[in-house]
Amino acid sequence: MKIALAFLYPIGYYNYMNTFIRSSDFDTWLSAMKDQKAKARILCRIQSAIHGNFGDCEPVGEGVSEMRIHVGQGYRLYYTRTGKTVYFLLAGGNKRTQGKDIVRAKELARELKETEL
């Protein structure tokens, strides 16, 4: 008995992707990173988030969320969402600089919202 491959997937199955836009602050931070293993893990984590798997994330307030990456110094990526599937990577840092990184990410999120209006 032969079964058509088209019937193996449930009706309505689709693959969607999120869009991530990196701020200049984020790019500067990532470019300056010396730990190549951590940099690779960060880029892989962004790719996973593009496909919908955000992993270990928590909101930090004012529409900003923190994506935690458990490698090396404990890296953090700060992002905000605009629209349905567009995310802005605002800033990055590690556990030691977490407080000031959150403040900076919130400032960038406010600036982004002001320019959208």
Protein backbone atom coordinates (compact mmCIF):
# COMPACT_ATOMS: atom_id res chain seq x y z
CA MET A 1 0.00 0.00 0.00
CA LYS A 2 1.39 3.41 -0.98
CA ILE A 3 0.63 6.59 0.99
CA ALA A 4 1.05 9.98 -0.61
CA LEU A 5 3.61 12.10 1.23
CA ALA A 6 1.32 15.15 1.12
CA PHE A 7 -1.06 13.50 3.58
CA LEU A 8 1.55 12.92 6.29
CA TYR A 9 1.52 16.57 7.38
CA PRO A 10 -1.49 18.03 9.17
CA ILE A 11 -3.54 20.52 7.22
CA GLY A 12 -2.46 24.07 7.97
CA TYR A 13 1.16 23.16 8.69
CA TYR A 14 3.48 26.04 7.88
CA ASN A 15 6.90 27.31 8.79
CA TYR A 16 7.28 30.93 9.86
CA MET A 17 10.32 32.93 10.75
CA ASN A 18 10.91 35.96 12.93
CA THR A 19 12.96 38.91 11.72
CA PHE A 20 15.77 40.26 13.89
CA ILE A 21 17.28 43.70 13.33
CA ARG A 22 20.51 44.50 15.17
CA SER A 23 21.19 47.94 16.63
CA SER A 24 24.60 49.57 16.19
CA ASP A 25 25.14 49.18 19.97
CA PHE A 26 24.55 45.45 19.66
CA ASP A 27 26.86 45.12 16.63
CA THR A 28 29.62 47.06 18.40
CA TRP A 29 29.35 44.81 21.46
CA LEU A 30 29.34 41.63 19.38
CA SER A 31 32.29 42.75 17.22
CA ALA A 32 34.39 43.54 20.29
CA MET A 33 33.79 40.11 21.85
CA LYS A 34 37.02 38.14 22.17
CA ASP A 35 35.50 34.80 23.26
CA GLN A 36 34.89 33.13 19.89
CA LYS A 37 33.06 30.15 21.41
CA ALA A 38 30.60 32.48 23.14
CA LYS A 39 30.20 34.54 19.97
CA ALA A 40 29.34 31.39 18.01
CA ARG A 41 26.80 30.33 20.66
CA ILE A 42 25.21 33.80 20.58
CA LEU A 43 24.85 33.70 16.80
CA CYS A 44 23.38 30.18 16.99
CA ARG A 45 20.93 31.34 19.63
CA ILE A 46 19.79 34.20 17.40
CA GLN A 47 19.24 31.69 14.58
CA SER A 48 17.13 29.53 16.90
CA ALA A 49 15.05 32.57 17.86
CA ILE A 50 14.54 33.41 14.18
CA HIS A 51 12.85 30.01 13.89
CA GLY A 52 10.71 30.61 16.99
CA ASN A 53 12.77 28.93 19.73
CA PHE A 54 13.76 31.77 22.08
CA GLY A 55 14.91 29.53 24.93
CA ASP A 56 15.74 31.07 28.32
CA CYS A 57 14.21 34.57 28.19
CA GLU A 58 12.62 36.88 30.76
CA PRO A 59 11.01 40.32 30.49
CA VAL A 60 12.99 43.07 32.25
CA GLY A 61 10.40 45.85 31.88
CA GLU A 62 9.23 48.53 29.45
CA GLY A 63 8.81 46.02 26.63
CA VAL A 64 12.42 44.82 26.81
CA SER A 65 13.29 41.15 27.31
CA GLU A 66 16.54 39.45 28.24
CA MET A 67 17.78 36.34 26.43
CA ARG A 68 20.22 34.47 28.68
CA ILE A 69 23.04 32.44 27.18
CA HIS A 70 24.73 30.10 29.65
CA VAL A 71 28.28 30.02 28.33
CA GLY A 72 31.45 31.79 29.47
CA GLN A 73 30.62 34.86 31.55
CA GLY A 74 26.86 34.32 31.23
CA TYR A 75 25.96 36.52 28.26
CA ARG A 76 22.71 38.47 27.92
CA LEU A 77 20.99 39.81 24.80
CA TYR A 78 18.35 42.50 25.19
CA TYR A 79 15.57 42.79 22.63
CA THR A 80 12.17 44.33 22.06
CA ARG A 81 9.37 43.33 19.73
CA THR A 82 7.70 45.58 17.19
CA GLY A 83 4.87 44.21 15.13
CA LYS A 84 4.02 40.54 15.02
CA THR A 85 7.38 38.97 14.18
CA VAL A 86 10.00 41.74 14.07
CA TYR A 87 12.49 41.93 16.93
CA PHE A 88 15.22 44.51 17.56
CA LEU A 89 18.40 43.35 19.25
CA LEU A 90 19.14 46.41 21.36
CA ALA A 91 22.22 45.59 23.42
CA GLY A 92 24.32 42.79 24.83
CA GLY A 93 26.41 42.19 27.89
CA ASN A 94 27.27 39.68 30.57
CA LYS A 95 26.12 38.93 34.10
CA ARG A 96 28.59 41.43 35.61
CA THR A 97 27.29 44.39 33.53
CA GLN A 98 23.64 43.32 33.61
CA GLY A 99 22.27 46.35 35.51
CA LYS A 100 23.70 49.02 33.22
CA ASP A 101 22.95 46.92 30.12
CA ILE A 102 19.26 46.76 31.07
CA VAL A 103 19.14 50.54 31.57
CA ARG A 104 20.78 51.09 28.15
CA ALA A 105 18.43 48.60 26.44
CA LYS A 106 15.40 50.40 27.89
CA GLU A 107 16.75 53.75 26.65
CA LEU A 108 17.21 52.30 23.17
CA ALA A 109 13.69 50.81 23.24
CA ARG A 110 12.22 54.22 24.15
CA GLU A 111 14.16 55.88 21.31
CA LEU A 112 12.91 53.20 18.90
CA LYS A 113 9.28 53.76 19.93
CA GLU A 114 9.66 57.53 19.52
CA THR A 115 11.01 57.15 15.97
CA GLU A 116 8.16 54.78 15.04
CA LEU A 117 5.50 57.34 15.97
